[in-house]
């Protein structure tokens, strides 16, 4: 509150001193972190709310506790690259499971074509780091579907299916999703891929 009063009086240096004094209170205790973040957000200082979360993450040596609120704050302050980094790069399916990551991306990115394209590029860069982790590829497939790029989605699913030797299981799921969305050509291509794996495979019939 005192910092806010100093701001109104154009005494920015004094306001900064107060805010940094509050930042020094962050010690890794979640209750303290959440209280400080709430006060800064209520005061319209999302920048300091972000700094509070970042300091807590550094002290705890993990982002897991604060992925959702921190990603949303990054997005709110037009730092989409940092939002995506904390969702899709730092966690790799551990701190944020796949469905939670999709829900968070849907809230942050939505159907914005520019943001979807940016997210796609971020995922493409990570697709082979490491290749045995399907997390990035599955998220990229989901992004293709959000963009209504079913051919792109099919390419990713084919790669995952082949890499994990799933015998067409993931292709079957994509085909059903595509058919449900009225994308019958894409569904047909996915089913064709399954058939081409041979009559001895479990999903052939």
N, C-alpha and C. Protein backbone atom coordinates (compact mmCIF):
# COMPACT_ATOMS: atom_id res chain seq x y z
N UNK A 1 0.83 -1.21 0.00
CA UNK A 1 0.00 0.00 0.00
C UNK A 1 0.87 1.26 0.00
N UNK A 2 1.92 1.23 0.80
CA UNK A 2 2.83 2.38 0.86
C UNK A 2 3.52 2.58 -0.48
N UNK A 3 3.91 1.47 -1.10
CA UNK A 3 4.52 1.56 -2.43
C UNK A 3 3.58 2.19 -3.43
N UNK A 4 2.30 1.82 -3.34
CA UNK A 4 1.31 2.39 -4.24
C UNK A 4 1.14 3.89 -4.04
N UNK A 5 1.19 4.31 -2.79
CA UNK A 5 1.09 5.74 -2.50
C UNK A 5 2.28 6.49 -3.07
N UNK A 6 3.47 5.90 -2.93
CA UNK A 6 4.66 6.54 -3.49
C UNK A 6 4.55 6.65 -5.01
N UNK A 7 3.98 5.62 -5.64
CA UNK A 7 3.79 5.67 -7.10
C UNK A 7 2.90 6.84 -7.49
N UNK A 8 1.81 7.02 -6.74
CA UNK A 8 0.89 8.11 -7.05
C UNK A 8 1.55 9.47 -6.88
N UNK A 9 2.53 9.53 -6.00
CA UNK A 9 3.27 10.79 -5.77
C UNK A 9 4.47 10.91 -6.71
N UNK A 10 4.57 9.96 -7.66
CA UNK A 10 5.66 9.96 -8.63
C UNK A 10 7.02 9.74 -7.97
N UNK A 11 7.02 9.10 -6.81
CA UNK A 11 8.28 8.79 -6.13
C UNK A 11 8.61 7.32 -6.41
N UNK A 12 8.99 7.08 -7.67
CA UNK A 12 9.17 5.70 -8.15
C UNK A 12 10.27 4.96 -7.41
N UNK A 13 11.35 5.65 -7.06
CA UNK A 13 12.44 4.98 -6.36
C UNK A 13 12.02 4.49 -4.99
N UNK A 14 11.22 5.32 -4.29
CA UNK A 14 10.74 4.90 -2.97
C UNK A 14 9.75 3.74 -3.10
N UNK A 15 8.92 3.80 -4.15
CA UNK A 15 7.97 2.70 -4.39
C UNK A 15 8.74 1.40 -4.65
N UNK A 16 9.79 1.51 -5.45
CA UNK A 16 10.60 0.33 -5.75
C UNK A 16 11.23 -0.25 -4.49
N UNK A 17 11.68 0.60 -3.60
CA UNK A 17 12.27 0.15 -2.34
C UNK A 17 11.27 -0.66 -1.53
N UNK A 18 10.03 -0.17 -1.48
CA UNK A 18 9.00 -0.88 -0.73
C UNK A 18 8.70 -2.23 -1.36
N UNK A 19 8.56 -2.23 -2.68
CA UNK A 19 8.24 -3.47 -3.38
C UNK A 19 9.36 -4.51 -3.24
N UNK A 20 10.60 -4.04 -3.33
CA UNK A 20 11.71 -4.96 -3.19
C UNK A 20 11.83 -5.48 -1.76
N UNK A 21 11.42 -4.65 -0.80
CA UNK A 21 11.39 -5.12 0.58
C UNK A 21 10.39 -6.26 0.75
N UNK A 22 9.27 -6.15 0.06
CA UNK A 22 8.27 -7.22 0.10
C UNK A 22 8.81 -8.47 -0.59
N UNK A 23 9.52 -8.28 -1.69
CA UNK A 23 10.09 -9.41 -2.40
C UNK A 23 11.05 -10.20 -1.52
N UNK A 24 11.73 -9.49 -0.62
CA UNK A 24 12.67 -10.16 0.29
C UNK A 24 11.96 -11.09 1.27
N UNK A 25 10.65 -10.95 1.38
CA UNK A 25 9.88 -11.82 2.28
C UNK A 25 9.68 -13.21 1.68
N UNK A 26 9.80 -13.33 0.35
CA UNK A 26 9.60 -14.62 -0.31
C UNK A 26 10.70 -15.58 0.16
N UNK A 27 10.28 -16.68 0.79
CA UNK A 27 11.26 -17.62 1.36
C UNK A 27 10.99 -19.08 0.95
N UNK A 28 10.06 -19.26 0.02
CA UNK A 28 9.72 -20.62 -0.40
C UNK A 28 8.45 -21.14 0.24
N UNK A 29 7.97 -20.46 1.28
CA UNK A 29 6.71 -20.84 1.92
C UNK A 29 5.56 -20.47 0.99
N UNK A 30 4.75 -21.45 0.60
CA UNK A 30 3.70 -21.21 -0.40
C UNK A 30 2.68 -20.18 0.07
N UNK A 31 2.32 -20.20 1.36
CA UNK A 31 1.34 -19.24 1.87
C UNK A 31 1.84 -17.81 1.73
N UNK A 32 3.12 -17.61 2.01
CA UNK A 32 3.71 -16.27 1.88
C UNK A 32 3.72 -15.86 0.41
N UNK A 33 4.14 -16.77 -0.45
CA UNK A 33 4.19 -16.47 -1.88
C UNK A 33 2.82 -16.08 -2.41
N UNK A 34 1.81 -16.87 -2.09
CA UNK A 34 0.46 -16.60 -2.60
C UNK A 34 -0.09 -15.28 -2.06
N UNK A 35 0.21 -14.97 -0.81
CA UNK A 35 -0.24 -13.71 -0.22
C UNK A 35 0.40 -12.51 -0.93
N UNK A 36 1.70 -12.61 -1.14
CA UNK A 36 2.43 -11.52 -1.81
C UNK A 36 1.92 -11.35 -3.24
N UNK A 37 1.75 -12.46 -3.95
CA UNK A 37 1.26 -12.41 -5.33
C UNK A 37 -0.12 -11.76 -5.39
N UNK A 38 -1.00 -12.16 -4.49
CA UNK A 38 -2.36 -11.60 -4.48
C UNK A 38 -2.33 -10.08 -4.26
N UNK A 39 -1.51 -9.65 -3.32
CA UNK A 39 -1.44 -8.21 -3.03
C UNK A 39 -0.92 -7.43 -4.24
N UNK A 40 0.10 -7.97 -4.89
CA UNK A 40 0.64 -7.28 -6.06
C UNK A 40 -0.38 -7.26 -7.20
N UNK A 41 -1.09 -8.37 -7.40
CA UNK A 41 -2.09 -8.41 -8.47
C UNK A 41 -3.24 -7.47 -8.17
N UNK A 42 -3.67 -7.43 -6.92
CA UNK A 42 -4.75 -6.50 -6.53
C UNK A 42 -4.33 -5.05 -6.75
N UNK A 43 -3.01 -4.81 -6.63
CA UNK A 43 -2.50 -3.45 -6.80
C UNK A 43 -2.20 -3.13 -8.27
N UNK A 44 -2.47 -4.13 -9.16
CA UNK A 44 -2.22 -3.90 -10.57
C UNK A 44 -0.76 -4.02 -10.97
N UNK A 45 0.02 -4.68 -10.11
CA UNK A 45 1.45 -4.85 -10.42
C UNK A 45 1.73 -6.31 -10.74
N UNK A 46 1.26 -6.72 -11.92
CA UNK A 46 1.48 -8.09 -12.36
C UNK A 46 2.96 -8.39 -12.53
N UNK A 47 3.75 -7.35 -12.85
CA UNK A 47 5.18 -7.56 -13.03
C UNK A 47 5.84 -8.07 -11.75
N UNK A 48 5.43 -7.51 -10.61
CA UNK A 48 5.99 -7.96 -9.34
C UNK A 48 5.38 -9.29 -8.91
N UNK A 49 4.14 -9.54 -9.29
CA UNK A 49 3.54 -10.85 -9.01
C UNK A 49 4.34 -11.95 -9.71
N UNK A 50 4.73 -11.68 -10.96
CA UNK A 50 5.55 -12.62 -11.71
C UNK A 50 6.90 -12.83 -11.03
N UNK A 51 7.52 -11.72 -10.61
CA UNK A 51 8.82 -11.82 -9.94
C UNK A 51 8.72 -12.64 -8.66
N UNK A 52 7.59 -12.50 -7.95
CA UNK A 52 7.40 -13.27 -6.71
C UNK A 52 7.34 -14.76 -7.01
N UNK A 53 6.55 -15.13 -8.03
CA UNK A 53 6.48 -16.54 -8.42
C UNK A 53 7.84 -17.06 -8.88
N UNK A 54 8.53 -16.25 -9.68
CA UNK A 54 9.84 -16.67 -10.20
C UNK A 54 10.84 -16.89 -9.08
N UNK A 55 10.81 -16.00 -8.08
CA UNK A 55 11.73 -16.16 -6.96
C UNK A 55 11.41 -17.43 -6.18
N UNK A 56 10.11 -17.68 -5.96
CA UNK A 56 9.70 -18.90 -5.25
C UNK A 56 10.14 -20.14 -6.01
N UNK A 57 9.97 -20.12 -7.33
CA UNK A 57 10.39 -21.26 -8.16
C UNK A 57 11.89 -21.50 -8.03
N UNK A 58 12.64 -20.42 -8.02
CA UNK A 58 14.09 -20.54 -7.91
C UNK A 58 14.49 -21.11 -6.55
N UNK A 59 13.83 -20.65 -5.50
CA UNK A 59 14.13 -21.15 -4.15
C UNK A 59 13.78 -22.63 -4.01
N UNK A 60 12.67 -23.02 -4.64
CA UNK A 60 12.21 -24.41 -4.55
C UNK A 60 12.86 -25.30 -5.60
N UNK A 61 13.56 -24.67 -6.56
CA UNK A 61 14.22 -25.39 -7.65
C UNK A 61 13.23 -26.21 -8.48
N UNK A 62 12.02 -25.68 -8.65
CA UNK A 62 11.01 -26.32 -9.48
C UNK A 62 9.93 -25.30 -9.83
N UNK A 63 9.27 -25.52 -10.97
CA UNK A 63 8.16 -24.66 -11.36
C UNK A 63 6.81 -25.32 -11.14
N UNK A 64 6.82 -26.57 -10.69
CA UNK A 64 5.62 -27.39 -10.65
C UNK A 64 4.45 -26.72 -9.92
N UNK A 65 4.74 -26.12 -8.76
CA UNK A 65 3.66 -25.53 -7.95
C UNK A 65 2.95 -24.38 -8.66
N UNK A 66 3.67 -23.66 -9.50
CA UNK A 66 3.14 -22.40 -10.01
C UNK A 66 3.01 -22.34 -11.54
N UNK A 67 3.02 -23.49 -12.19
CA UNK A 67 2.93 -23.51 -13.66
C UNK A 67 1.69 -22.77 -14.15
N UNK A 68 0.52 -23.15 -13.64
CA UNK A 68 -0.73 -22.56 -14.14
C UNK A 68 -0.82 -21.06 -13.92
N UNK A 69 -0.70 -20.58 -12.66
CA UNK A 69 -0.85 -19.13 -12.47
C UNK A 69 0.26 -18.33 -13.13
N UNK A 70 1.48 -18.87 -13.13
CA UNK A 70 2.59 -18.12 -13.74
C UNK A 70 2.45 -18.05 -15.24
N UNK A 71 2.04 -19.15 -15.87
CA UNK A 71 1.82 -19.15 -17.32
C UNK A 71 0.74 -18.14 -17.69
N UNK A 72 -0.33 -18.09 -16.89
CA UNK A 72 -1.41 -17.15 -17.17
C UNK A 72 -0.95 -15.70 -17.02
N UNK A 73 -0.11 -15.45 -16.03
CA UNK A 73 0.42 -14.10 -15.84
C UNK A 73 1.34 -13.70 -16.99
N UNK A 74 2.17 -14.65 -17.43
CA UNK A 74 3.03 -14.36 -18.58
C UNK A 74 2.17 -14.01 -19.79
N UNK A 75 1.13 -14.80 -20.04
CA UNK A 75 0.26 -14.54 -21.19
C UNK A 75 -0.45 -13.20 -21.04
N UNK A 76 -0.90 -12.91 -19.84
CA UNK A 76 -1.60 -11.65 -19.56
C UNK A 76 -0.72 -10.44 -19.85
N UNK A 77 0.59 -10.59 -19.60
CA UNK A 77 1.53 -9.49 -19.80
C UNK A 77 2.27 -9.60 -21.14
N UNK A 78 1.65 -10.32 -22.08
CA UNK A 78 2.17 -10.43 -23.46
C UNK A 78 3.56 -11.06 -23.53
N UNK A 79 3.79 -12.04 -22.66
CA UNK A 79 5.06 -12.80 -22.70
C UNK A 79 4.73 -14.25 -23.05
N UNK A 80 4.16 -14.43 -24.25
CA UNK A 80 3.71 -15.76 -24.66
C UNK A 80 4.86 -16.76 -24.71
N UNK A 81 6.05 -16.29 -25.11
CA UNK A 81 7.20 -17.20 -25.18
C UNK A 81 7.49 -17.82 -23.81
N UNK A 82 7.43 -17.00 -22.76
CA UNK A 82 7.69 -17.52 -21.41
C UNK A 82 6.55 -18.42 -20.93
N UNK A 83 5.32 -18.07 -21.32
CA UNK A 83 4.17 -18.91 -20.94
C UNK A 83 4.32 -20.29 -21.55
N UNK A 84 4.68 -20.34 -22.84
CA UNK A 84 4.85 -21.62 -23.52
C UNK A 84 6.03 -22.38 -22.94
N UNK A 85 7.08 -21.66 -22.61
CA UNK A 85 8.27 -22.30 -22.07
C UNK A 85 7.95 -23.05 -20.79
N UNK A 86 7.19 -22.42 -19.91
CA UNK A 86 6.91 -23.05 -18.62
C UNK A 86 5.92 -24.20 -18.77
N UNK A 87 5.08 -24.15 -19.81
CA UNK A 87 4.10 -25.23 -20.03
C UNK A 87 4.71 -26.40 -20.78
N UNK A 88 5.36 -26.11 -21.91
CA UNK A 88 5.74 -27.20 -22.81
C UNK A 88 7.21 -27.58 -22.77
N UNK A 89 8.05 -26.71 -22.24
CA UNK A 89 9.48 -26.99 -22.28
C UNK A 89 10.02 -27.48 -20.94
N UNK A 90 9.68 -26.78 -19.88
CA UNK A 90 10.26 -27.12 -18.58
C UNK A 90 9.70 -28.39 -17.98
N UNK A 91 8.51 -28.79 -18.38
CA UNK A 91 7.85 -29.88 -17.68
C UNK A 91 7.90 -31.23 -18.39
N UNK A 92 7.76 -31.20 -19.71
CA UNK A 92 7.83 -32.42 -20.49
C UNK A 92 6.93 -33.54 -19.96
N UNK A 93 5.72 -33.13 -19.56
CA UNK A 93 4.75 -34.14 -19.16
C UNK A 93 4.87 -34.57 -17.72
N UNK A 94 5.73 -33.91 -16.94
CA UNK A 94 5.91 -34.29 -15.55
C UNK A 94 5.13 -33.35 -14.63
N UNK A 95 5.56 -32.08 -14.59
CA UNK A 95 4.86 -31.13 -13.73
C UNK A 95 3.46 -30.84 -14.24
N UNK A 96 3.30 -30.85 -15.54
CA UNK A 96 1.99 -30.62 -16.15
C UNK A 96 1.68 -31.82 -17.03
N UNK A 97 0.63 -32.59 -16.70
CA UNK A 97 0.33 -33.72 -17.56
C UNK A 97 -0.29 -33.23 -18.87
N UNK A 98 -0.40 -34.12 -19.81
CA UNK A 98 -0.77 -33.74 -21.17
C UNK A 98 -2.11 -33.02 -21.23
N UNK A 99 -3.12 -33.55 -20.55
CA UNK A 99 -4.46 -32.95 -20.61
C UNK A 99 -4.48 -31.58 -19.94
N UNK A 100 -3.75 -31.44 -18.83
CA UNK A 100 -3.67 -30.13 -18.17
C UNK A 100 -2.98 -29.12 -19.07
N UNK A 101 -1.92 -29.58 -19.76
CA UNK A 101 -1.20 -28.69 -20.67
C UNK A 101 -2.12 -28.23 -21.80
N UNK A 102 -2.92 -29.14 -22.34
CA UNK A 102 -3.87 -28.78 -23.40
C UNK A 102 -4.88 -27.76 -22.90
N UNK A 103 -5.41 -27.99 -21.70
CA UNK A 103 -6.41 -27.08 -21.14
C UNK A 103 -5.80 -25.70 -20.92
N UNK A 104 -4.56 -25.67 -20.44
CA UNK A 104 -3.89 -24.40 -20.19
C UNK A 104 -3.58 -23.67 -21.49
N UNK A 105 -3.13 -24.42 -22.48
CA UNK A 105 -2.86 -23.82 -23.79
C UNK A 105 -4.14 -23.30 -24.44
N UNK A 106 -5.23 -24.05 -24.26
CA UNK A 106 -6.50 -23.63 -24.84
C UNK A 106 -6.95 -22.30 -24.22
N UNK A 107 -6.73 -22.17 -22.91
CA UNK A 107 -7.10 -20.92 -22.22
C UNK A 107 -6.22 -19.76 -22.66
N UNK A 108 -4.93 -20.03 -22.85
CA UNK A 108 -3.98 -18.97 -23.16
C UNK A 108 -3.95 -18.64 -24.65
N UNK A 109 -3.97 -19.68 -25.48
CA UNK A 109 -3.81 -19.49 -26.93
C UNK A 109 -5.16 -19.41 -27.65
N UNK A 110 -6.11 -20.25 -27.19
CA UNK A 110 -7.43 -20.25 -27.80
C UNK A 110 -7.37 -20.58 -29.28
N UNK A 111 -8.14 -19.85 -30.09
CA UNK A 111 -8.15 -20.06 -31.54
C UNK A 111 -7.42 -18.95 -32.28
N UNK A 112 -6.58 -18.20 -31.53
CA UNK A 112 -5.82 -17.12 -32.14
C UNK A 112 -4.79 -17.71 -33.11
N UNK A 113 -4.93 -17.43 -34.38
CA UNK A 113 -4.08 -18.03 -35.41
C UNK A 113 -2.60 -17.71 -35.19
N UNK A 114 -2.31 -16.47 -34.82
CA UNK A 114 -0.92 -16.06 -34.61
C UNK A 114 -0.31 -16.80 -33.43
N UNK A 115 -1.07 -16.91 -32.34
CA UNK A 115 -0.57 -17.60 -31.15
C UNK A 115 -0.41 -19.10 -31.40
N UNK A 116 -1.35 -19.67 -32.16
CA UNK A 116 -1.25 -21.09 -32.50
C UNK A 116 0.01 -21.36 -33.34
N UNK A 117 0.29 -20.46 -34.28
CA UNK A 117 1.47 -20.61 -35.12
C UNK A 117 2.74 -20.50 -34.29
N UNK A 118 2.75 -19.56 -33.35
CA UNK A 118 3.90 -19.38 -32.47
C UNK A 118 4.12 -20.62 -31.60
N UNK A 119 3.02 -21.17 -31.10
CA UNK A 119 3.09 -22.38 -30.28
C UNK A 119 3.60 -23.55 -31.09
N UNK A 120 3.12 -23.66 -32.32
CA UNK A 120 3.55 -24.74 -33.21
C UNK A 120 5.07 -24.67 -33.43
N UNK A 121 5.59 -23.48 -33.70
CA UNK A 121 7.02 -23.32 -33.92
C UNK A 121 7.82 -23.70 -32.68
N UNK A 122 7.30 -23.33 -31.50
CA UNK A 122 7.99 -23.67 -30.26
C UNK A 122 8.07 -25.17 -30.07
N UNK A 123 7.00 -25.87 -30.41
CA UNK A 123 6.96 -27.32 -30.26
C UNK A 123 7.84 -28.02 -31.29
N UNK A 124 7.84 -27.52 -32.51
CA UNK A 124 8.66 -28.13 -33.57
C UNK A 124 10.13 -28.12 -33.16
N UNK A 125 10.55 -27.04 -32.50
CA UNK A 125 11.95 -26.94 -32.05
C UNK A 125 12.29 -28.00 -31.03
N UNK A 126 11.28 -28.44 -30.27
CA UNK A 126 11.54 -29.37 -29.17
C UNK A 126 11.19 -30.81 -29.50
N UNK A 127 10.70 -31.06 -30.70
CA UNK A 127 10.08 -32.35 -31.03
C UNK A 127 11.04 -33.53 -30.86
N UNK A 128 12.33 -33.30 -31.04
CA UNK A 128 13.29 -34.40 -30.91
C UNK A 128 14.15 -34.29 -29.66
N UNK A 129 13.66 -33.57 -28.64
CA UNK A 129 14.42 -33.39 -27.39
C UNK A 129 13.61 -33.88 -26.19
N UNK A 130 13.72 -35.08 -25.75
CA UNK A 130 14.33 -36.23 -26.43
C UNK A 130 13.27 -36.91 -27.29
N UNK A 131 13.67 -37.62 -28.33
CA UNK A 131 12.68 -38.22 -29.24
C UNK A 131 11.83 -39.31 -28.59
N UNK A 132 12.35 -39.94 -27.53
CA UNK A 132 11.57 -41.02 -26.91
C UNK A 132 10.43 -40.50 -26.04
N UNK A 133 10.43 -39.20 -25.76
CA UNK A 133 9.35 -38.60 -24.98
C UNK A 133 8.27 -38.09 -25.94
N UNK A 134 7.07 -38.71 -25.97
CA UNK A 134 6.04 -38.32 -26.93
C UNK A 134 5.28 -37.05 -26.55
N UNK A 135 5.61 -36.47 -25.39
CA UNK A 135 4.87 -35.32 -24.87
C UNK A 135 4.79 -34.18 -25.88
N UNK A 136 5.95 -33.76 -26.44
CA UNK A 136 5.96 -32.65 -27.38
C UNK A 136 5.20 -32.99 -28.65
N UNK A 137 5.40 -34.20 -29.15
CA UNK A 137 4.73 -34.61 -30.39
C UNK A 137 3.21 -34.65 -30.21
N UNK A 138 2.76 -35.11 -29.05
CA UNK A 138 1.32 -35.17 -28.81
C UNK A 138 0.72 -33.77 -28.71
N UNK A 139 1.45 -32.87 -28.06
CA UNK A 139 0.97 -31.49 -27.99
C UNK A 139 0.96 -30.85 -29.37
N UNK A 140 1.98 -31.15 -30.17
CA UNK A 140 2.04 -30.59 -31.52
C UNK A 140 0.88 -31.12 -32.36
N UNK A 141 0.56 -32.40 -32.21
CA UNK A 141 -0.58 -32.97 -32.92
C UNK A 141 -1.86 -32.22 -32.55
N UNK A 142 -2.00 -31.96 -31.27
CA UNK A 142 -3.19 -31.26 -30.77
C UNK A 142 -3.27 -29.85 -31.36
N UNK A 143 -2.10 -29.18 -31.47
CA UNK A 143 -2.06 -27.85 -32.06
C UNK A 143 -2.50 -27.90 -33.52
N UNK A 144 -2.03 -28.91 -34.26
CA UNK A 144 -2.43 -29.07 -35.66
C UNK A 144 -3.95 -29.21 -35.77
N UNK A 145 -4.52 -29.98 -34.85
CA UNK A 145 -5.98 -30.18 -34.87
C UNK A 145 -6.70 -28.87 -34.57
N UNK A 146 -6.17 -28.09 -33.62
CA UNK A 146 -6.77 -26.79 -33.31
C UNK A 146 -6.74 -25.87 -34.53
N UNK A 147 -5.67 -26.02 -35.33
CA UNK A 147 -5.53 -25.20 -36.55
C UNK A 147 -6.29 -25.80 -37.72
N UNK A 148 -6.94 -26.95 -37.49
CA UNK A 148 -7.67 -27.65 -38.54
C UNK A 148 -6.73 -28.15 -39.64
N UNK A 149 -5.48 -28.43 -39.24
CA UNK A 149 -4.49 -28.97 -40.17
C UNK A 149 -4.38 -30.47 -39.90
N UNK A 150 -5.30 -31.23 -40.50
CA UNK A 150 -5.38 -32.66 -40.21
C UNK A 150 -4.25 -33.45 -40.84
N UNK A 151 -3.74 -32.98 -41.98
CA UNK A 151 -2.61 -33.66 -42.60
C UNK A 151 -1.37 -33.55 -41.71
N UNK A 152 -1.18 -32.37 -41.13
CA UNK A 152 -0.06 -32.18 -40.21
C UNK A 152 -0.19 -33.06 -38.98
N UNK A 153 -1.42 -33.15 -38.48
CA UNK A 153 -1.68 -34.00 -37.32
C UNK A 153 -1.39 -35.47 -37.64
N UNK A 154 -1.80 -35.90 -38.84
CA UNK A 154 -1.59 -37.28 -39.25
C UNK A 154 -0.10 -37.62 -39.33
N UNK A 155 0.69 -36.70 -39.86
CA UNK A 155 2.14 -36.92 -39.95
C UNK A 155 2.74 -37.15 -38.57
N UNK A 156 2.32 -36.33 -37.61
CA UNK A 156 2.85 -36.47 -36.25
C UNK A 156 2.42 -37.79 -35.62
N UNK A 157 1.16 -38.14 -35.80
CA UNK A 157 0.64 -39.38 -35.22
C UNK A 157 1.33 -40.59 -35.84
N UNK A 158 1.55 -40.54 -37.15
CA UNK A 158 2.26 -41.64 -37.81
C UNK A 158 3.64 -41.83 -37.20
N UNK A 159 4.32 -40.71 -36.93
CA UNK A 159 5.66 -40.78 -36.38
C UNK A 159 5.65 -41.37 -34.97
N UNK A 160 4.70 -40.91 -34.14
CA UNK A 160 4.61 -41.42 -32.77
C UNK A 160 4.26 -42.90 -32.77
N UNK A 161 3.30 -43.27 -33.62
CA UNK A 161 2.85 -44.66 -33.69
C UNK A 161 4.00 -45.59 -34.09
N UNK A 162 4.78 -45.13 -35.07
CA UNK A 162 5.92 -45.92 -35.54
C UNK A 162 7.00 -46.00 -34.47
N UNK A 163 7.29 -44.85 -33.84
CA UNK A 163 8.36 -44.79 -32.84
C UNK A 163 8.06 -45.68 -31.64
N UNK A 164 6.80 -45.66 -31.22
CA UNK A 164 6.41 -46.42 -30.03
C UNK A 164 5.88 -47.82 -30.34
N UNK A 165 5.89 -48.16 -31.63
CA UNK A 165 5.41 -49.49 -32.08
C UNK A 165 4.02 -49.79 -31.50
N UNK A 166 3.09 -48.88 -31.78
CA UNK A 166 1.74 -48.98 -31.22
C UNK A 166 0.77 -49.72 -32.14
N UNK A 167 1.26 -50.15 -33.29
CA UNK A 167 0.46 -50.98 -34.21
C UNK A 167 -0.82 -50.30 -34.71
N UNK A 168 -0.84 -48.97 -34.69
CA UNK A 168 -1.98 -48.25 -35.23
C UNK A 168 -2.98 -47.75 -34.20
N UNK A 169 -2.73 -48.00 -32.92
CA UNK A 169 -3.68 -47.59 -31.88
C UNK A 169 -3.92 -46.09 -31.90
N UNK A 170 -2.85 -45.32 -31.97
CA UNK A 170 -2.98 -43.86 -31.96
C UNK A 170 -3.62 -43.37 -33.26
N UNK A 171 -3.33 -44.05 -34.36
CA UNK A 171 -3.95 -43.70 -35.64
C UNK A 171 -5.46 -43.93 -35.59
N UNK A 172 -5.88 -45.00 -34.92
CA UNK A 172 -7.31 -45.27 -34.75
C UNK A 172 -7.98 -44.14 -33.98
N UNK A 173 -7.31 -43.67 -32.93
CA UNK A 173 -7.87 -42.57 -32.12
C UNK A 173 -8.00 -41.30 -32.95
N UNK A 174 -6.96 -41.01 -33.75
CA UNK A 174 -7.02 -39.82 -34.60
C UNK A 174 -8.14 -39.94 -35.61
N UNK A 175 -8.29 -41.14 -36.19
CA UNK A 175 -9.35 -41.36 -37.18
C UNK A 175 -10.72 -41.10 -36.58
N UNK A 176 -10.93 -41.60 -35.37
CA UNK A 176 -12.23 -41.38 -34.71
C UNK A 176 -12.45 -39.90 -34.41
N UNK A 177 -11.40 -39.22 -33.97
CA UNK A 177 -11.50 -37.78 -33.69
C UNK A 177 -11.82 -37.02 -34.97
N UNK A 178 -11.13 -37.36 -36.05
CA UNK A 178 -11.35 -36.69 -37.33
C UNK A 178 -12.76 -36.94 -37.84
N UNK A 179 -13.21 -38.19 -37.75
CA UNK A 179 -14.57 -38.52 -38.20
C UNK A 179 -15.61 -37.76 -37.39
N UNK A 180 -15.37 -37.67 -36.08
CA UNK A 180 -16.30 -36.94 -35.21
C UNK A 180 -16.38 -35.46 -35.55
N UNK A 181 -15.27 -34.95 -36.13
CA UNK A 181 -15.23 -33.53 -36.52
C UNK A 181 -15.67 -33.34 -37.97
N UNK A 182 -16.11 -34.43 -38.60
CA UNK A 182 -16.55 -34.32 -39.99
C UNK A 182 -15.41 -34.28 -40.98
N UNK A 183 -14.19 -34.60 -40.53
CA UNK A 183 -13.02 -34.60 -41.41
C UNK A 183 -12.81 -36.01 -41.94
N UNK A 184 -13.65 -36.41 -42.87
CA UNK A 184 -13.68 -37.80 -43.32
C UNK A 184 -12.47 -38.19 -44.16
N UNK A 185 -11.93 -37.26 -44.92
CA UNK A 185 -10.74 -37.57 -45.70
C UNK A 185 -9.57 -37.91 -44.77
N UNK A 186 -9.40 -37.09 -43.74
CA UNK A 186 -8.32 -37.33 -42.77
C UNK A 186 -8.54 -38.65 -42.05
N UNK A 187 -9.79 -38.92 -41.68
CA UNK A 187 -10.12 -40.18 -41.01
C UNK A 187 -9.79 -41.36 -41.91
N UNK A 188 -10.15 -41.24 -43.19
CA UNK A 188 -9.88 -42.31 -44.15
C UNK A 188 -8.39 -42.56 -44.30
N UNK A 189 -7.60 -41.49 -44.36
CA UNK A 189 -6.14 -41.65 -44.48
C UNK A 189 -5.57 -42.38 -43.27
N UNK A 190 -6.06 -42.02 -42.08
CA UNK A 190 -5.57 -42.67 -40.86
C UNK A 190 -5.94 -44.15 -40.85
N UNK A 191 -7.18 -44.45 -41.23
CA UNK A 191 -7.60 -45.86 -41.29
C UNK A 191 -6.80 -46.62 -42.36
N UNK A 192 -6.52 -45.96 -43.49
CA UNK A 192 -5.70 -46.59 -44.53
C UNK A 192 -4.32 -46.96 -43.99
N UNK A 193 -3.76 -46.06 -43.18
CA UNK A 193 -2.45 -46.32 -42.59
C UNK A 193 -2.48 -47.57 -41.72
N UNK A 194 -3.57 -47.72 -40.98
CA UNK A 194 -3.72 -48.90 -40.11
C UNK A 194 -3.81 -50.17 -40.95
N UNK A 195 -4.63 -50.12 -42.00
CA UNK A 195 -4.81 -51.28 -42.88
C UNK A 195 -3.47 -51.69 -43.51
N UNK A 196 -2.69 -50.69 -43.91
CA UNK A 196 -1.41 -50.96 -44.58
C UNK A 196 -0.38 -51.61 -43.66
N UNK A 197 -0.63 -51.58 -42.37
CA UNK A 197 0.28 -52.25 -41.44
C UNK A 197 0.18 -53.77 -41.55
N UNK A 198 -0.90 -54.24 -42.18
CA UNK A 198 -1.01 -55.67 -42.46
C UNK A 198 -2.13 -56.37 -41.70
N UNK A 199 -2.58 -57.47 -42.27
CA UNK A 199 -3.70 -58.20 -41.71
C UNK A 199 -3.39 -58.84 -40.36
N UNK A 200 -2.12 -58.98 -40.07
CA UNK A 200 -1.75 -59.61 -38.81
C UNK A 200 -1.74 -58.67 -37.63
N UNK A 201 -2.00 -57.37 -37.87
CA UNK A 201 -1.98 -56.40 -36.79
C UNK A 201 -3.33 -56.33 -36.08
N UNK A 202 -3.33 -55.97 -34.79
CA UNK A 202 -4.56 -56.07 -33.98
C UNK A 202 -5.71 -55.17 -34.41
N UNK A 203 -5.43 -54.06 -35.10
CA UNK A 203 -6.49 -53.13 -35.47
C UNK A 203 -6.93 -53.25 -36.94
N UNK A 204 -6.39 -54.26 -37.61
CA UNK A 204 -6.64 -54.40 -39.05
C UNK A 204 -8.14 -54.52 -39.36
N UNK A 205 -8.83 -55.39 -38.66
CA UNK A 205 -10.26 -55.61 -38.97
C UNK A 205 -11.09 -54.37 -38.73
